[in-house]
């Protein structure tokens, strides 16, 4: 009887030890990929800023919609609001009126990473690169 119980314990421990081994690299590194550091130092208009505008702004601020006379789907339009200060003020929520806070119809500002990317692009001269 003791041999049967001992054998059962060994089998259970064998399954337990094997079940703890986890070697799926993609699943193990998924969290790291999601929490990768923000690259706000190497900012370019086309690779860094335009994707943010495309995902958050262009539904309302494009050449076809042009709400508030703000166009963000072209460099020329983005440069205008970058240089006059409206872009950073509205996304930082520092403008005088909350009606100017962007993006509208959301309860929070854009992510700190995206905000830093846009701020760095503006502070480095809003270059078309």
C-alpha atoms as a PDB file:
ATOM      1  CA  UNK A   1       0.000   0.000   0.000  1.00  0.00           C
ATOM      2  CA  UNK A   2       2.843   2.367   0.863  1.00  0.00           C
ATOM      3  CA  UNK A   3       4.455   1.616  -2.486  1.00  0.00           C
ATOM      4  CA  UNK A   4       1.243   2.553  -4.307  1.00  0.00           C
ATOM      5  CA  UNK A   5       0.944   5.844  -2.394  1.00  0.00           C
ATOM      6  CA  UNK A   6       4.626   6.604  -2.981  1.00  0.00           C
ATOM      7  CA  UNK A   7       4.224   5.847  -6.684  1.00  0.00           C
ATOM      8  CA  UNK A   8       1.154   8.124  -6.805  1.00  0.00           C
ATOM      9  CA  UNK A   9       3.048  10.959  -5.112  1.00  0.00           C
ATOM     10  CA  UNK A  10       5.957  10.576  -7.533  1.00  0.00           C
ATOM     11  CA  UNK A  11       3.598  10.659 -10.524  1.00  0.00           C
ATOM     12  CA  UNK A  12       1.805  13.751  -9.211  1.00  0.00           C
ATOM     13  CA  UNK A  13       5.119  15.507  -8.550  1.00  0.00           C
ATOM     14  CA  UNK A  14       6.314  14.538 -12.017  1.00  0.00           C
ATOM     15  CA  UNK A  15       3.284  16.155 -13.617  1.00  0.00           C
ATOM     16  CA  UNK A  16       3.583  19.221 -11.397  1.00  0.00           C
ATOM     17  CA  UNK A  17       7.247  19.796 -12.225  1.00  0.00           C
ATOM     18  CA  UNK A  18       6.663  19.305 -15.957  1.00  0.00           C
ATOM     19  CA  UNK A  19       3.647  21.606 -15.978  1.00  0.00           C
ATOM     20  CA  UNK A  20       5.728  24.487 -14.597  1.00  0.00           C
ATOM     21  CA  UNK A  21       8.091  24.458 -17.550  1.00  0.00           C
ATOM     22  CA  UNK A  22       7.106  27.184 -19.988  1.00  0.00           C
ATOM     23  CA  UNK A  23       9.151  27.655 -23.141  1.00  0.00           C
ATOM     24  CA  UNK A  24       6.960  29.611 -25.533  1.00  0.00           C
ATOM     25  CA  UNK A  25       9.263  32.539 -26.312  1.00  0.00           C
ATOM     26  CA  UNK A  26       6.629  34.723 -27.995  1.00  0.00           C
ATOM     27  CA  UNK A  27       4.310  34.462 -25.017  1.00  0.00           C
ATOM     28  CA  UNK A  28       7.119  35.006 -22.523  1.00  0.00           C
ATOM     29  CA  UNK A  29       8.251  38.201 -24.266  1.00  0.00           C
ATOM     30  CA  UNK A  30       4.810  39.594 -25.146  1.00  0.00           C
ATOM     31  CA  UNK A  31       4.664  41.756 -22.006  1.00  0.00           C
ATOM     32  CA  UNK A  32       8.117  43.132 -22.743  1.00  0.00           C
ATOM     33  CA  UNK A  33       7.013  44.097 -26.254  1.00  0.00           C
ATOM     34  CA  UNK A  34       3.914  45.838 -24.884  1.00  0.00           C
ATOM     35  CA  UNK A  35       5.908  47.773 -22.324  1.00  0.00           C
ATOM     36  CA  UNK A  36       8.863  48.678 -24.538  1.00  0.00           C
ATOM     37  CA  UNK A  37      10.338  52.065 -23.728  1.00  0.00           C
ATOM     38  CA  UNK A  38       9.095  55.103 -25.560  1.00  0.00           C
ATOM     39  CA  UNK A  39      11.489  56.367 -28.218  1.00  0.00           C
ATOM     40  CA  UNK A  40      10.803  60.072 -28.088  1.00  0.00           C
ATOM     41  CA  UNK A  41      14.423  61.039 -28.790  1.00  0.00           C
ATOM     42  CA  UNK A  42      14.660  59.930 -32.426  1.00  0.00           C
ATOM     43  CA  UNK A  43      11.554  61.688 -33.710  1.00  0.00           C
ATOM     44  CA  UNK A  44      10.695  62.174 -37.344  1.00  0.00           C
ATOM     45  CA  UNK A  45       7.522  63.609 -38.785  1.00  0.00           C
ATOM     46  CA  UNK A  46       6.798  60.731 -41.161  1.00  0.00           C
ATOM     47  CA  UNK A  47       7.740  57.812 -38.896  1.00  0.00           C
ATOM     48  CA  UNK A  48       6.774  59.139 -35.456  1.00  0.00           C
ATOM     49  CA  UNK A  49       4.278  61.994 -35.658  1.00  0.00           C
ATOM     50  CA  UNK A  50       2.136  61.102 -38.689  1.00  0.00           C
ATOM     51  CA  UNK A  51       1.108  57.683 -37.270  1.00  0.00           C
ATOM     52  CA  UNK A  52      -0.126  59.423 -34.108  1.00  0.00           C
ATOM     53  CA  UNK A  53      -2.118  61.928 -36.136  1.00  0.00           C
ATOM     54  CA  UNK A  54      -3.496  59.154 -38.344  1.00  0.00           C
ATOM     55  CA  UNK A  55      -4.754  57.147 -35.379  1.00  0.00           C
ATOM     56  CA  UNK A  56      -6.028  59.973 -33.157  1.00  0.00           C
ATOM     57  CA  UNK A  57      -6.615  63.139 -35.157  1.00  0.00           C
ATOM     58  CA  UNK A  58      -7.296  62.673 -38.841  1.00  0.00           C
ATOM     59  CA  UNK A  59     -10.941  61.687 -38.468  1.00  0.00           C
ATOM     60  CA  UNK A  60     -11.640  65.336 -37.685  1.00  0.00           C
ATOM     61  CA  UNK A  61      -8.507  67.199 -38.778  1.00  0.00           C
ATOM     62  CA  UNK A  62      -7.727  66.180 -42.342  1.00  0.00           C
ATOM     63  CA  UNK A  63      -7.912  67.868 -45.713  1.00  0.00           C
ATOM     64  CA  UNK A  64     -11.345  66.336 -46.231  1.00  0.00           C
ATOM     65  CA  UNK A  65     -12.881  67.231 -42.848  1.00  0.00           C
ATOM     66  CA  UNK A  66     -10.851  70.286 -41.807  1.00  0.00           C
ATOM     67  CA  UNK A  67     -12.683  70.904 -38.513  1.00  0.00           C
ATOM     68  CA  UNK A  68     -11.515  74.060 -36.793  1.00  0.00           C
ATOM     69  CA  UNK A  69      -9.332  74.892 -39.799  1.00  0.00           C
ATOM     70  CA  UNK A  70      -6.801  72.350 -38.524  1.00  0.00           C
ATOM     71  CA  UNK A  71      -5.302  69.918 -41.018  1.00  0.00           C
ATOM     72  CA  UNK A  72      -3.018  67.216 -39.658  1.00  0.00           C
ATOM     73  CA  UNK A  73      -2.790  64.756 -42.547  1.00  0.00           C
ATOM     74  CA  UNK A  74      -0.220  66.875 -44.376  1.00  0.00           C
ATOM     75  CA  UNK A  75       3.070  68.295 -43.192  1.00  0.00           C
ATOM     76  CA  UNK A  76       2.061  71.834 -44.210  1.00  0.00           C
ATOM     77  CA  UNK A  77      -1.099  71.717 -42.110  1.00  0.00           C
ATOM     78  CA  UNK A  78       0.634  70.178 -39.112  1.00  0.00           C
ATOM     79  CA  UNK A  79       3.440  72.720 -39.292  1.00  0.00           C
ATOM     80  CA  UNK A  80       0.968  75.623 -38.985  1.00  0.00           C
ATOM     81  CA  UNK A  81      -0.505  74.441 -35.665  1.00  0.00           C
ATOM     82  CA  UNK A  82       2.886  73.273 -34.419  1.00  0.00           C
ATOM     83  CA  UNK A  83       4.464  76.687 -34.934  1.00  0.00           C
ATOM     84  CA  UNK A  84       1.556  78.738 -33.555  1.00  0.00           C
ATOM     85  CA  UNK A  85       1.428  76.663 -30.353  1.00  0.00           C
ATOM     86  CA  UNK A  86      -2.118  75.358 -30.772  1.00  0.00           C
ATOM     87  CA  UNK A  87      -1.019  71.745 -31.250  1.00  0.00           C
ATOM     88  CA  UNK A  88       0.917  71.321 -28.020  1.00  0.00           C
ATOM     89  CA  UNK A  89      -1.507  73.421 -25.964  1.00  0.00           C
ATOM     90  CA  UNK A  90      -4.507  71.386 -27.053  1.00  0.00           C
ATOM     91  CA  UNK A  91      -2.956  67.943 -26.550  1.00  0.00           C
ATOM     92  CA  UNK A  92      -1.389  68.930 -23.211  1.00  0.00           C
ATOM     93  CA  UNK A  93      -4.777  70.320 -22.117  1.00  0.00           C
ATOM     94  CA  UNK A  94      -3.231  73.686 -21.268  1.00  0.00           C
ATOM     95  CA  UNK A  95      -5.341  75.861 -23.560  1.00  0.00           C
ATOM     96  CA  UNK A  96      -7.673  78.394 -21.962  1.00  0.00           C
ATOM     97  CA  UNK A  97     -10.825  76.550 -22.993  1.00  0.00           C
ATOM     98  CA  UNK A  98     -11.476  72.851 -22.480  1.00  0.00           C
ATOM     99  CA  UNK A  99     -13.304  72.993 -25.830  1.00  0.00           C
ATOM    100  CA  UNK A 100      -9.835  73.092 -27.389  1.00  0.00           C
ATOM    101  CA  UNK A 101      -8.622  69.945 -25.600  1.00  0.00           C
ATOM    102  CA  UNK A 102      -7.679  67.207 -28.013  1.00  0.00           C
ATOM    103  CA  UNK A 103      -8.569  64.580 -28.713  1.00  0.00           C
ATOM    104  CA  UNK A 104     -12.149  65.468 -27.918  1.00  0.00           C
ATOM    105  CA  UNK A 105     -14.743  63.017 -26.646  1.00  0.00           C
ATOM    106  CA  UNK A 106     -12.204  61.168 -24.525  1.00  0.00           C
ATOM    107  CA  UNK A 107     -11.735  61.372 -20.792  1.00  0.00           C
ATOM    108  CA  UNK A 108      -7.948  61.434 -20.767  1.00  0.00           C
ATOM    109  CA  UNK A 109      -5.082  62.976 -22.675  1.00  0.00           C
ATOM    110  CA  UNK A 110      -3.069  61.034 -25.190  1.00  0.00           C
ATOM    111  CA  UNK A 111      -0.398  58.776 -23.727  1.00  0.00           C
ATOM    112  CA  UNK A 112       2.692  60.378 -22.215  1.00  0.00           C
ATOM    113  CA  UNK A 113       4.830  58.700 -24.863  1.00  0.00           C
ATOM    114  CA  UNK A 114       2.829  60.102 -27.792  1.00  0.00           C
ATOM    115  CA  UNK A 115       2.698  63.503 -26.125  1.00  0.00           C
ATOM    116  CA  UNK A 116       6.483  63.510 -25.682  1.00  0.00           C
ATOM    117  CA  UNK A 117       7.010  62.502 -29.325  1.00  0.00           C
ATOM    118  CA  UNK A 118       4.890  65.428 -30.551  1.00  0.00           C
ATOM    119  CA  UNK A 119       6.462  67.862 -28.082  1.00  0.00           C
ATOM    120  CA  UNK A 120       9.962  66.834 -29.171  1.00  0.00           C
ATOM    121  CA  UNK A 121       9.044  67.177 -32.834  1.00  0.00           C
ATOM    122  CA  UNK A 122       7.687  70.696 -32.202  1.00  0.00           C
ATOM    123  CA  UNK A 123      10.588  71.787 -29.982  1.00  0.00           C
ATOM    124  CA  UNK A 124      13.139  70.534 -32.519  1.00  0.00           C
ATOM    125  CA  UNK A 125      11.701  72.853 -35.164  1.00  0.00           C
ATOM    126  CA  UNK A 126       8.788  70.814 -36.594  1.00  0.00           C
ATOM    127  CA  UNK A 127      10.965  69.435 -39.361  1.00  0.00           C
ATOM    128  CA  UNK A 128       9.565  67.649 -42.402  1.00  0.00           C
ATOM    129  CA  UNK A 129      11.593  64.472 -42.045  1.00  0.00           C
END
